[in-house]
Amino acid sequence: MNKNNKPDIHFVEITSFGCGPDAFVVDEVAEILKAKGKTMTLLKVDDVNNIGSLKLRVRSLLESLKLRTEDIKSEPLPQTPIYKKTDKKKTILVPHFSDFYSPFVETFFEMMGYKIKTLPPSNDESIQLGLQFSNNEICYPATLVIGDFIRALRSGDYDTKDIVLGISQTGGQCRATNYIMLIKKAMIAADYNDIPVISIAFSDGINNQQEFVLDWKPLINIAMYAILFADSISKMYYSAVAHSKDLKQELLKEMTTIEYITNIRDKYIKKSQNYVRNKDSKGLLSLLETAVEDFNNVLDLSKEPPKIGIVGEIYVKYNNVGHKGVVNWLVEQGAEVVMPSLLSFFVQYFVNRKADVDLNLVERNVFNDIVPKILQIQLKRAMKKVSDVAKNYKLWTDFGDINEDAREAAKIISLATQFGEGWLIPAEIGNFDKHNVQNVVSLQPFGCIANHIISKGIEKKIKEHYPKMNLLFLDFDSGVSDVNVHNRLHFMLKNARNVR
């Protein structure tokens, strides 16, 4: 009790060094204590800590409390404003994700009545600002996303009274579910606390923002075709740049072959937006047919480049800055990069739902059983139509079946392992083995506990099931050495070239 006979409670937090969730939990606790006028005492414990230094910090806390003469004053916690219906006219800024998929974001949200602006890709300034305004122990994508927002706001290109910040969320067992809190804290720290921050999620009730409503159900069908279209362009692009013929004469030396094929990619991604906007799946299929012809025209089928598969955390896997240009570097070295379909990330829900029911993790619900079955039928129909067109591409490999891939993954890890990319990582590796891709790089943010546990934890079992599989694990944060990353990739490439 204090002198006024009121409870006088203080707080010491003990964390495990490197524990992923603690990166944002510590910040939250510190903010609550500060608002209540109390001191944060944090003890990080690992197997080499000197117990004497920990005791000293606790003694210091106790002695400081003895010297306190005034009652603690409580202040309200700072908050960013809640999104209101009147904010719908504002522009929602979202971070850049991928050259293949980001253009579709603006189109789909326009169709739902929102104006969205995708920010430019991250750069060095994004990294520095992200480190300045967020916990440095959080995963690398959060650093980049926060840095992108603050860079945009400081550019002077936007009226802060006319914008909202948005971040995608699944609400799953991943630190990314807490990005919205990290962004809000960063905005307050950077004096942009008058801007609403919203969670762009398709689940109801996430982060108490009921006035931000996404009417996504009428768009399900065209969304399936759009993702399949983008995945198809990705498949053709990466195989085409690796199998391309010498185009110097045709191009009059105005650009490199990779630049020429990249222009083909960007042309079709741009053209596809009108078909998506009009919900014209037939037009999208017709456009894909033309794209197949263009990609076929640059192929030299006599080439046999080494194939390198890519798995890992979704942002780092698809975002060029997130993986420090590793994928483009492999392309420049003549490797055929094999990227998993983004569709797999979304349709893993079908497997997750069934696994949770079978393992008694959730209650069976007739409605929740029927809807996924209907969606899967709809998806299979869309996949067949897209495949019937795309198979005319001379190096086409078909989309995998998520249920078959999950059955293979279940031999390696429980399908209840759904945090992060979960069982999807071994599923994608198994799919690669099926298509004779024996060299796989796993890209993940440093400190991404889910990916570290799964990617590195399943290595032994992966090699038992797929003896020829060669795995390389690369972790990324702001301080990772590019030289070290490229040296390790050189060994991977050398092995891939030798075993062809």
Protein backbone atom coordinates (compact mmCIF):
# COMPACT_ATOMS: atom_id res chain seq x y z
CA MET A 1 0.00 0.00 0.00
CA ASN A 2 1.12 3.62 -0.59
CA LYS A 3 0.67 6.49 1.85
CA ASN A 4 -2.96 6.95 0.76
CA ASN A 5 -3.66 3.28 1.52
CA LYS A 6 -4.04 2.41 -2.19
CA PRO A 7 -2.53 -0.69 -3.83
CA ASP A 8 0.96 0.10 -5.11
CA ILE A 9 1.83 -2.62 -7.61
CA HIS A 10 4.89 -2.61 -9.87
CA PHE A 11 5.91 -4.94 -12.65
CA VAL A 12 9.00 -6.92 -13.63
CA GLU A 13 8.84 -8.74 -16.96
CA ILE A 14 11.07 -11.75 -17.54
CA THR A 15 11.44 -12.79 -21.17
CA SER A 16 13.27 -15.51 -23.01
CA PHE A 17 15.95 -13.99 -25.22
CA GLY A 18 14.86 -14.10 -28.85
CA CYS A 19 11.26 -15.12 -28.11
CA GLY A 20 9.33 -13.76 -31.07
CA PRO A 21 6.08 -12.60 -29.43
CA ASP A 22 7.99 -10.73 -26.74
CA ALA A 23 9.12 -8.17 -29.33
CA PHE A 24 5.67 -6.57 -29.34
CA VAL A 25 4.43 -7.72 -25.91
CA VAL A 26 7.28 -5.85 -24.22
CA ASP A 27 6.36 -2.65 -26.07
CA GLU A 28 2.72 -2.94 -25.02
CA VAL A 29 3.60 -3.55 -21.38
CA ALA A 30 6.04 -0.62 -21.38
CA GLU A 31 3.40 1.70 -22.82
CA ILE A 32 0.77 0.67 -20.27
CA LEU A 33 3.23 1.18 -17.40
CA LYS A 34 4.35 4.56 -18.75
CA ALA A 35 0.75 5.74 -18.97
CA LYS A 36 0.32 4.76 -15.33
CA GLY A 37 3.51 6.57 -14.36
CA LYS A 38 5.44 3.43 -13.59
CA THR A 39 8.83 2.13 -14.61
CA MET A 40 9.36 -0.81 -16.96
CA THR A 41 11.89 -3.35 -15.69
CA LEU A 42 12.75 -5.97 -18.29
CA LEU A 43 14.92 -9.00 -17.65
CA LYS A 44 16.03 -10.98 -20.68
CA VAL A 45 17.09 -14.46 -19.73
CA ASP A 46 19.10 -16.97 -21.73
CA ASP A 47 21.59 -19.70 -20.94
CA VAL A 48 24.55 -17.32 -20.56
CA ASN A 49 22.97 -14.57 -18.43
CA ASN A 50 24.86 -13.47 -15.33
CA ILE A 51 22.34 -13.84 -12.51
CA GLY A 52 24.15 -11.07 -10.66
CA SER A 53 23.24 -8.46 -13.28
CA LEU A 54 19.59 -9.51 -13.13
CA LYS A 55 19.52 -9.15 -9.34
CA LEU A 56 21.16 -5.73 -9.65
CA ARG A 57 18.37 -4.44 -11.89
CA VAL A 58 15.71 -5.64 -9.45
CA ARG A 59 17.58 -4.00 -6.53
CA SER A 60 17.76 -0.76 -8.53
CA LEU A 61 14.00 -0.86 -9.04
CA LEU A 62 13.36 -1.39 -5.33
CA GLU A 63 15.72 1.43 -4.30
CA SER A 64 14.15 3.85 -6.78
CA LEU A 65 10.69 3.11 -5.35
CA LYS A 66 11.92 4.01 -1.86
CA LEU A 67 12.99 7.44 -3.15
CA ARG A 68 9.64 8.24 -4.74
CA THR A 69 7.84 11.04 -2.87
CA GLU A 70 4.79 11.77 -5.06
CA ASP A 71 1.78 9.66 -5.95
CA ILE A 72 1.87 8.19 -9.42
CA LYS A 73 -0.24 10.06 -11.96
CA SER A 74 -2.14 8.11 -14.56
CA GLU A 75 -2.53 9.25 -18.17
CA PRO A 76 -4.70 7.80 -20.95
CA LEU A 77 -2.97 5.57 -23.48
CA PRO A 78 -2.41 7.35 -26.82
CA GLN A 79 -4.54 5.96 -29.64
CA THR A 80 -4.96 6.44 -33.36
CA PRO A 81 -8.54 7.35 -34.42
CA ILE A 82 -11.07 4.60 -35.14
CA TYR A 83 -12.12 4.20 -38.76
CA LYS A 84 -15.59 5.65 -39.40
CA LYS A 85 -18.01 5.35 -42.32
CA THR A 86 -17.17 8.95 -43.20
CA ASP A 87 -13.56 7.83 -43.82
CA LYS A 88 -14.64 5.73 -46.82
CA LYS A 89 -13.96 8.65 -49.16
CA LYS A 90 -10.33 8.74 -48.03
CA THR A 91 -7.44 7.02 -49.84
CA ILE A 92 -6.15 3.86 -48.16
CA LEU A 93 -2.37 3.52 -48.41
CA VAL A 94 -1.09 -0.06 -48.49
CA PRO A 95 2.50 -1.38 -48.74
CA HIS A 96 3.85 -2.88 -51.94
CA PHE A 97 3.83 -6.67 -51.87
CA SER A 98 4.79 -8.11 -55.26
CA ASP A 99 5.10 -7.03 -58.89
CA PHE A 100 2.84 -9.93 -59.84
CA TYR A 101 0.06 -9.47 -57.28
CA SER A 102 0.01 -5.89 -55.94
CA PRO A 103 -1.66 -4.39 -59.05
CA PHE A 104 -4.74 -6.53 -58.40
CA VAL A 105 -5.18 -5.08 -54.89
CA GLU A 106 -6.13 -1.61 -56.12
CA THR A 107 -8.57 -3.04 -58.68
CA PHE A 108 -10.39 -5.28 -56.23
CA PHE A 109 -10.79 -2.59 -53.59
CA GLU A 110 -12.01 -0.17 -56.21
CA MET A 111 -14.68 -2.77 -57.03
CA MET A 112 -15.67 -2.82 -53.34
CA GLY A 113 -16.02 0.95 -53.25
CA TYR A 114 -12.67 1.90 -51.75
CA LYS A 115 -9.80 3.92 -53.16
CA ILE A 116 -6.48 2.21 -52.50
CA LYS A 117 -3.00 3.41 -53.35
CA THR A 118 -0.10 0.94 -53.35
CA LEU A 119 3.08 2.56 -52.09
CA PRO A 120 6.37 2.23 -54.01
CA PRO A 121 8.60 -0.72 -53.11
CA SER A 122 10.68 -0.41 -49.96
CA ASN A 123 14.16 1.13 -50.10
CA ASP A 124 17.01 1.96 -47.71
CA GLU A 125 15.06 4.88 -46.26
CA SER A 126 12.19 2.50 -45.45
CA ILE A 127 14.59 0.27 -43.54
CA GLN A 128 16.07 3.12 -41.51
CA LEU A 129 12.67 4.61 -40.66
CA GLY A 130 11.30 1.19 -39.79
CA LEU A 131 14.18 0.58 -37.40
CA GLN A 132 13.72 4.04 -35.88
CA PHE A 133 10.01 3.72 -35.17
CA SER A 134 9.49 0.03 -34.43
CA ASN A 135 10.91 -2.62 -32.14
CA ASN A 136 14.14 -3.80 -33.78
CA GLU A 137 13.47 -7.39 -32.70
CA ILE A 138 10.25 -7.65 -34.67
CA CYS A 139 10.35 -9.49 -37.98
CA TYR A 140 11.81 -7.81 -41.04
CA PRO A 141 8.55 -7.37 -43.01
CA ALA A 142 7.16 -5.24 -40.16
CA THR A 143 10.25 -3.04 -40.29
CA LEU A 144 9.80 -2.53 -44.03
CA VAL A 145 6.04 -1.92 -43.87
CA ILE A 146 6.32 0.63 -41.05
CA GLY A 147 9.21 2.34 -42.84
CA ASP A 148 7.19 2.49 -46.08
CA PHE A 149 4.31 4.26 -44.34
CA ILE A 150 6.46 6.84 -42.59
CA ARG A 151 8.49 7.46 -45.76
CA ALA A 152 5.25 8.11 -47.65
CA LEU A 153 3.92 10.48 -45.00
CA ARG A 154 7.18 12.42 -44.83
CA SER A 155 7.32 12.76 -48.61
CA GLY A 156 4.63 15.43 -48.54
CA ASP A 157 2.74 13.67 -51.33
CA TYR A 158 -0.30 12.97 -49.16
CA ASP A 159 -2.72 15.10 -47.15
CA THR A 160 -2.78 13.36 -43.77
CA LYS A 161 -6.43 14.39 -43.34
CA ASP A 162 -7.38 12.47 -46.49
CA ILE A 163 -5.67 9.11 -45.96
CA VAL A 164 -5.99 5.88 -44.02
CA LEU A 165 -3.25 3.29 -43.54
CA GLY A 166 -4.12 -0.34 -44.29
CA ILE A 167 -2.36 -3.64 -43.64
CA SER A 168 -3.55 -7.12 -44.60
CA GLN A 169 -4.18 -9.59 -41.78
CA THR A 170 -5.31 -13.18 -41.54
CA GLY A 171 -5.88 -13.10 -37.79
CA GLY A 172 -3.89 -16.32 -37.52
CA GLN A 173 -1.17 -17.59 -35.22
CA CYS A 174 1.56 -15.29 -36.52
CA ARG A 175 3.29 -12.12 -35.39
CA ALA A 176 1.92 -10.50 -38.55
CA THR A 177 -1.46 -10.42 -36.80
CA ASN A 178 0.10 -7.76 -34.55
CA TYR A 179 1.44 -5.57 -37.35
CA ILE A 180 -1.55 -3.27 -37.02
CA MET A 181 -0.62 -2.53 -33.39
CA LEU A 182 3.01 -1.93 -34.37
CA ILE A 183 1.95 0.46 -37.14
CA LYS A 184 -0.31 2.39 -34.76
CA LYS A 185 2.50 2.74 -32.23
CA ALA A 186 4.88 3.91 -34.95
CA MET A 187 2.39 6.51 -36.18
CA ILE A 188 2.02 7.90 -32.66
CA ALA A 189 5.79 7.97 -32.16
CA ALA A 190 6.24 9.78 -35.50
CA ASP A 191 3.51 12.36 -34.68
CA TYR A 192 0.98 11.01 -37.18
CA ASN A 193 -1.55 10.04 -34.54
CA ASP A 194 -4.51 11.57 -36.42
CA ILE A 195 -4.52 8.91 -39.17
CA PRO A 196 -6.78 5.82 -38.86
CA VAL A 197 -5.01 2.46 -39.23
CA ILE A 198 -7.17 -0.42 -40.43
CA SER A 199 -6.86 -4.16 -40.78
CA ILE A 200 -7.64 -5.31 -44.31
CA ALA A 201 -9.07 -8.67 -43.41
CA PHE A 202 -11.90 -10.85 -44.66
CA SER A 203 -12.82 -12.09 -41.19
CA ASP A 204 -15.48 -10.17 -39.29
CA GLY A 205 -14.62 -8.35 -36.09
CA ILE A 206 -10.81 -8.22 -36.37
CA ASN A 207 -9.46 -5.26 -34.40
CA ASN A 208 -12.88 -3.79 -33.62
CA GLN A 209 -13.40 -1.91 -36.88
CA GLN A 210 -16.92 -2.89 -37.85
CA GLU A 211 -17.41 0.29 -39.90
CA PHE A 212 -14.77 -0.89 -42.41
CA VAL A 213 -16.72 -3.49 -44.35
CA LEU A 214 -15.51 -5.52 -47.33
CA ASP A 215 -18.28 -6.81 -49.57
CA TRP A 216 -16.07 -9.53 -51.04
CA LYS A 217 -18.55 -12.35 -51.67
CA PRO A 218 -19.66 -11.12 -55.16
CA LEU A 219 -15.98 -11.06 -56.19
CA ILE A 220 -15.02 -14.61 -55.24
CA ASN A 221 -15.26 -16.05 -58.72
CA ILE A 222 -13.26 -13.35 -60.53
CA ALA A 223 -10.76 -13.30 -57.63
CA MET A 224 -10.03 -16.98 -58.27
CA TYR A 225 -9.37 -16.29 -61.93
CA ALA A 226 -7.26 -13.22 -61.13
CA ILE A 227 -4.97 -15.11 -58.74
CA LEU A 228 -4.69 -18.02 -61.18
CA PHE A 229 -3.88 -15.55 -63.97
CA ALA A 230 -1.13 -13.88 -61.90
CA ASP A 231 0.24 -17.29 -60.83
CA SER A 232 0.31 -18.36 -64.49
CA ILE A 233 2.20 -15.23 -65.54
CA SER A 234 4.66 -15.89 -62.70
CA LYS A 235 5.22 -19.49 -63.83
CA MET A 236 5.78 -18.46 -67.45
CA TYR A 237 7.96 -15.47 -66.60
CA TYR A 238 10.49 -17.35 -64.45
CA SER A 239 10.81 -20.27 -66.84
CA ALA A 240 10.99 -17.96 -69.89
CA VAL A 241 13.85 -15.82 -68.58
CA ALA A 242 15.84 -18.98 -67.84
CA HIS A 243 15.10 -20.57 -71.23
CA SER A 244 15.18 -17.41 -73.34
CA LYS A 245 16.82 -17.28 -76.73
CA ASP A 246 19.27 -14.52 -77.70
CA LEU A 247 17.07 -11.53 -78.48
CA LYS A 248 19.78 -8.92 -79.04
CA GLN A 249 19.19 -8.62 -82.78
CA GLU A 250 15.44 -8.48 -82.40
CA LEU A 251 15.65 -5.83 -79.69
CA LEU A 252 18.25 -3.70 -81.53
CA LYS A 253 20.27 -3.76 -78.29
CA GLU A 254 17.83 -1.34 -76.65
CA MET A 255 17.32 -3.53 -73.58
CA THR A 256 18.48 -6.78 -72.04
CA THR A 257 16.62 -10.03 -72.60
CA ILE A 258 15.46 -10.05 -68.97
CA GLU A 259 14.13 -6.50 -69.33
CA TYR A 260 12.28 -7.47 -72.51
CA ILE A 261 10.59 -10.45 -70.85
CA THR A 262 9.84 -8.35 -67.76
CA ASN A 263 8.03 -5.91 -70.05
CA ILE A 264 5.93 -8.80 -71.37
CA ARG A 265 5.04 -9.72 -67.78
CA ASP A 266 4.11 -6.15 -66.83
CA LYS A 267 2.09 -5.66 -70.03
CA TYR A 268 -0.20 -8.57 -69.29
CA ILE A 269 -0.54 -7.78 -65.58
CA LYS A 270 -1.62 -4.25 -66.56
CA LYS A 271 -4.02 -5.39 -69.31
CA SER A 272 -5.67 -7.92 -67.01
CA GLN A 273 -7.02 -5.22 -64.68
CA ASN A 274 -9.83 -4.17 -67.02
CA TYR A 275 -11.05 -7.76 -67.35
CA VAL A 276 -10.99 -8.16 -63.57
CA ARG A 277 -12.79 -4.85 -63.12
CA ASN A 278 -15.54 -6.06 -65.46
CA LYS A 279 -15.64 -9.54 -63.85
CA ASP A 280 -14.84 -10.91 -67.30
CA SER A 281 -13.25 -14.31 -66.69
CA LYS A 282 -13.59 -15.26 -70.40
CA GLY A 283 -11.71 -12.11 -71.40
CA LEU A 284 -9.03 -12.93 -68.83
CA LEU A 285 -8.63 -16.42 -70.30
CA SER A 286 -8.36 -14.93 -73.79
CA LEU A 287 -5.68 -12.53 -72.57
CA LEU A 288 -3.81 -15.44 -71.00
CA GLU A 289 -3.91 -17.25 -74.34
CA THR A 290 -2.17 -14.27 -75.98
CA ALA A 291 0.37 -14.15 -73.13
CA VAL A 292 1.18 -17.83 -73.72
CA GLU A 293 2.04 -17.03 -77.34
CA ASP A 294 4.30 -14.13 -76.37
CA PHE A 295 6.18 -16.17 -73.78
CA ASN A 296 6.51 -19.11 -76.20
CA ASN A 297 8.11 -16.78 -78.75
CA VAL A 298 11.12 -16.07 -76.51
CA LEU A 299 11.91 -19.69 -75.59
CA ASP A 300 15.01 -21.67 -76.45
CA LEU A 301 14.06 -25.22 -75.46
CA SER A 302 17.62 -26.48 -75.91
CA LYS A 303 18.67 -24.77 -72.68
CA GLU A 304 18.75 -26.76 -69.43
CA PRO A 305 19.14 -24.23 -66.61
CA PRO A 306 19.38 -25.38 -62.97
CA LYS A 307 16.05 -25.20 -61.15
CA ILE A 308 15.80 -23.54 -57.74
CA GLY A 309 12.53 -23.77 -55.78
CA ILE A 310 11.51 -21.05 -53.33
CA VAL A 311 9.51 -21.54 -50.12
CA GLY A 312 9.16 -19.57 -46.90
CA GLU A 313 7.29 -16.71 -45.24
CA ILE A 314 4.79 -15.12 -47.62
CA TYR A 315 6.08 -11.52 -47.60
CA VAL A 316 9.78 -12.37 -47.78
CA LYS A 317 9.13 -15.04 -50.41
CA TYR A 318 7.35 -12.75 -52.89
CA ASN A 319 8.77 -9.31 -52.04
CA ASN A 320 12.04 -8.32 -53.74
CA VAL A 321 13.22 -6.07 -50.91
CA GLY A 322 12.07 -8.54 -48.27
CA HIS A 323 14.53 -11.12 -49.61
CA LYS A 324 17.10 -8.50 -50.67
CA GLY A 325 16.75 -9.29 -54.37
CA VAL A 326 17.72 -12.96 -53.99
CA VAL A 327 15.17 -14.19 -56.55
CA ASN A 328 16.22 -11.64 -59.19
CA TRP A 329 19.86 -12.47 -58.48
CA LEU A 330 19.16 -16.15 -59.19
CA VAL A 331 17.43 -15.15 -62.42
CA GLU A 332 20.46 -13.09 -63.46
CA GLN A 333 22.70 -16.09 -62.77
CA GLY A 334 20.70 -18.12 -65.29
CA ALA A 335 18.76 -20.25 -62.81
CA GLU A 336 15.15 -21.17 -63.37
CA VAL A 337 13.36 -19.96 -60.26
CA VAL A 338 10.27 -21.98 -59.36
CA MET A 339 7.85 -20.00 -57.22
CA PRO A 340 4.88 -21.58 -55.42
CA SER A 341 1.44 -20.35 -56.43
CA LEU A 342 0.05 -17.62 -54.20
CA LEU A 343 -3.26 -19.44 -54.51
CA SER A 344 -1.91 -22.18 -52.24
CA PHE A 345 -1.60 -19.71 -49.36
CA PHE A 346 -5.31 -18.95 -49.54
CA VAL A 347 -6.71 -22.41 -50.28
CA GLN A 348 -4.81 -23.97 -47.38
CA TYR A 349 -7.89 -22.79 -45.45
CA PHE A 350 -9.80 -25.77 -46.86
CA VAL A 351 -7.26 -28.18 -45.42
CA ASN A 352 -6.95 -26.27 -42.14
CA ARG A 353 -10.68 -26.31 -41.55
CA LYS A 354 -10.98 -30.06 -42.13
CA ALA A 355 -7.88 -30.80 -40.02
CA ASP A 356 -9.20 -28.72 -37.11
CA VAL A 357 -12.52 -30.58 -37.19
CA ASP A 358 -10.87 -34.00 -37.49
CA LEU A 359 -8.53 -33.21 -34.58
CA ASN A 360 -11.40 -31.85 -32.46
CA LEU A 361 -9.82 -28.40 -32.36
CA VAL A 362 -13.07 -26.75 -33.48
CA GLU A 363 -16.69 -27.82 -33.39
CA ARG A 364 -18.27 -29.16 -36.54
CA ASN A 365 -20.62 -26.68 -38.18
CA VAL A 366 -22.84 -27.66 -41.11
CA PHE A 367 -22.58 -24.21 -42.73
CA ASN A 368 -18.80 -24.12 -42.36
CA ASP A 369 -18.57 -27.60 -43.88
CA ILE A 370 -20.76 -26.89 -46.90
CA VAL A 371 -19.30 -23.52 -47.94
CA PRO A 372 -15.69 -24.78 -48.35
CA LYS A 373 -16.94 -27.69 -50.46
CA ILE A 374 -18.83 -25.33 -52.76
CA LEU A 375 -15.81 -23.04 -53.04
CA GLN A 376 -13.51 -25.97 -53.83
CA ILE A 377 -15.82 -27.10 -56.64
CA GLN A 378 -15.84 -23.55 -57.99
CA LEU A 379 -12.06 -23.34 -57.69
CA LYS A 380 -11.44 -26.65 -59.45
CA ARG A 381 -13.59 -25.46 -62.33
CA ALA A 382 -11.57 -22.23 -62.59
CA MET A 383 -8.25 -24.09 -62.33
CA LYS A 384 -9.22 -26.44 -65.16
CA LYS A 385 -10.18 -23.57 -67.45
CA VAL A 386 -6.95 -21.69 -66.73
CA SER A 387 -4.85 -24.85 -67.13
CA ASP A 388 -6.51 -25.69 -70.46
CA VAL A 389 -5.21 -22.37 -71.78
CA ALA A 390 -1.87 -22.24 -69.98
CA LYS A 391 -0.86 -25.80 -70.92
CA ASN A 392 -0.14 -24.49 -74.42
CA TYR A 393 2.90 -22.81 -72.93
CA LYS A 394 5.74 -25.14 -73.88
CA LEU A 395 7.23 -25.33 -70.37
CA TRP A 396 4.00 -25.37 -68.42
CA THR A 397 3.76 -27.21 -65.10
CA ASP A 398 0.25 -27.54 -63.75
CA PHE A 399 -1.07 -26.20 -60.46
CA GLY A 400 -0.78 -28.57 -57.55
CA ASP A 401 -3.73 -30.06 -55.71
CA ILE A 402 -3.70 -28.61 -52.19
CA ASN A 403 -5.32 -31.73 -50.73
CA GLU A 404 -2.74 -34.06 -52.28
CA ASP A 405 0.09 -31.77 -51.16
CA ALA A 406 -1.37 -31.69 -47.64
CA ARG A 407 -1.47 -35.49 -47.49
CA GLU A 408 2.24 -35.56 -48.31
CA ALA A 409 2.96 -32.82 -45.77
CA ALA A 410 1.08 -34.80 -43.09
CA LYS A 411 3.78 -37.50 -43.36
CA ILE A 412 6.28 -34.90 -42.16
CA ILE A 413 4.39 -32.61 -39.77
CA SER A 414 0.93 -32.37 -38.20
CA LEU A 415 -1.64 -30.45 -40.22
CA ALA A 416 -2.53 -28.70 -36.97
CA THR A 417 0.73 -26.77 -37.45
CA GLN A 418 -0.90 -23.78 -39.09
CA PHE A 419 0.97 -20.81 -37.61
CA GLY A 420 3.07 -18.89 -40.11
CA GLU A 421 3.18 -20.90 -43.32
CA GLY A 422 2.93 -24.05 -41.21
CA TRP A 423 2.54 -27.33 -43.02
CA LEU A 424 2.42 -25.44 -46.34
CA ILE A 425 6.24 -25.32 -46.41
CA PRO A 426 6.74 -29.12 -46.50
CA ALA A 427 3.74 -29.35 -48.84
CA GLU A 428 5.42 -27.01 -51.33
CA ILE A 429 8.73 -28.85 -50.99
CA GLY A 430 6.95 -32.14 -51.69
CA ASN A 431 5.31 -30.62 -54.75
CA PHE A 432 8.72 -29.45 -55.98
CA ASP A 433 10.11 -32.97 -55.62
CA LYS A 434 7.19 -34.26 -57.70
CA HIS A 435 8.30 -31.90 -60.50
CA ASN A 436 11.98 -32.81 -60.14
CA VAL A 437 13.01 -29.58 -58.42
CA GLN A 438 15.63 -30.92 -56.03
CA ASN A 439 17.18 -27.65 -54.82
CA VAL A 440 15.02 -25.47 -52.57
CA VAL A 441 15.76 -22.20 -50.77
CA SER A 442 13.66 -21.32 -47.73
CA LEU A 443 13.38 -17.55 -47.23
CA GLN A 444 12.23 -16.26 -43.87
CA PRO A 445 12.57 -13.20 -41.63
CA PHE A 446 15.16 -13.59 -38.89
CA GLY A 447 13.31 -14.35 -35.70
CA CYS A 448 10.19 -15.65 -37.46
CA ILE A 449 9.67 -18.38 -34.92
CA ALA A 450 7.07 -20.29 -36.91
CA ASN A 451 9.21 -20.51 -40.03
CA HIS A 452 12.36 -21.29 -38.09
CA ILE A 453 10.72 -24.13 -36.21
CA ILE A 454 9.16 -25.59 -39.32
CA SER A 455 11.72 -24.94 -42.06
CA LYS A 456 14.74 -25.99 -40.02
CA GLY A 457 12.91 -28.39 -37.74
CA ILE A 458 11.65 -30.59 -40.58
CA GLU A 459 14.93 -30.78 -42.49
CA LYS A 460 15.75 -34.31 -41.30
CA LYS A 461 12.30 -35.67 -42.17
CA ILE A 462 12.27 -33.89 -45.52
CA LYS A 463 15.51 -35.63 -46.47
CA GLU A 464 14.15 -38.97 -45.29
CA HIS A 465 11.14 -38.63 -47.60
CA TYR A 466 12.99 -36.87 -50.42
CA PRO A 467 16.62 -38.14 -50.28
CA LYS A 468 17.78 -36.02 -53.24
CA MET A 469 16.45 -32.78 -51.80
CA ASN A 470 19.06 -30.08 -51.20
CA LEU A 471 17.84 -27.38 -48.78
CA LEU A 472 19.20 -23.92 -48.00
CA PHE A 473 17.76 -21.72 -45.24
CA LEU A 474 18.24 -17.96 -45.50
CA ASP A 475 17.17 -15.52 -42.79
CA PHE A 476 16.64 -11.83 -43.51
CA ASP A 477 16.71 -8.67 -41.45
CA SER A 478 18.14 -5.18 -41.92
CA GLY A 479 21.64 -6.26 -40.96
CA VAL A 480 22.01 -9.46 -42.96
CA SER A 481 25.21 -9.68 -44.99
CA ASP A 482 24.53 -9.68 -48.74
CA VAL A 483 27.93 -11.28 -49.31
CA ASN A 484 27.13 -14.16 -46.97
CA VAL A 485 23.74 -14.71 -48.65
CA HIS A 486 25.25 -14.73 -52.15
CA ASN A 487 28.11 -17.01 -51.11
CA ARG A 488 25.65 -19.58 -49.82
CA LEU A 489 23.55 -19.26 -52.96
CA HIS A 490 26.65 -19.80 -55.10
CA PHE A 491 27.12 -23.20 -53.45
CA MET A 492 23.46 -24.03 -54.04
CA LEU A 493 23.75 -23.08 -57.73
CA LYS A 494 26.94 -25.05 -58.14
CA ASN A 495 25.28 -28.13 -56.69
CA ALA A 496 22.17 -27.61 -58.86
CA ARG A 497 24.30 -27.38 -62.04
CA ASN A 498 26.29 -30.49 -61.12
CA VAL A 499 23.32 -32.77 -60.49
CA ARG A 500 21.31 -31.96 -63.63
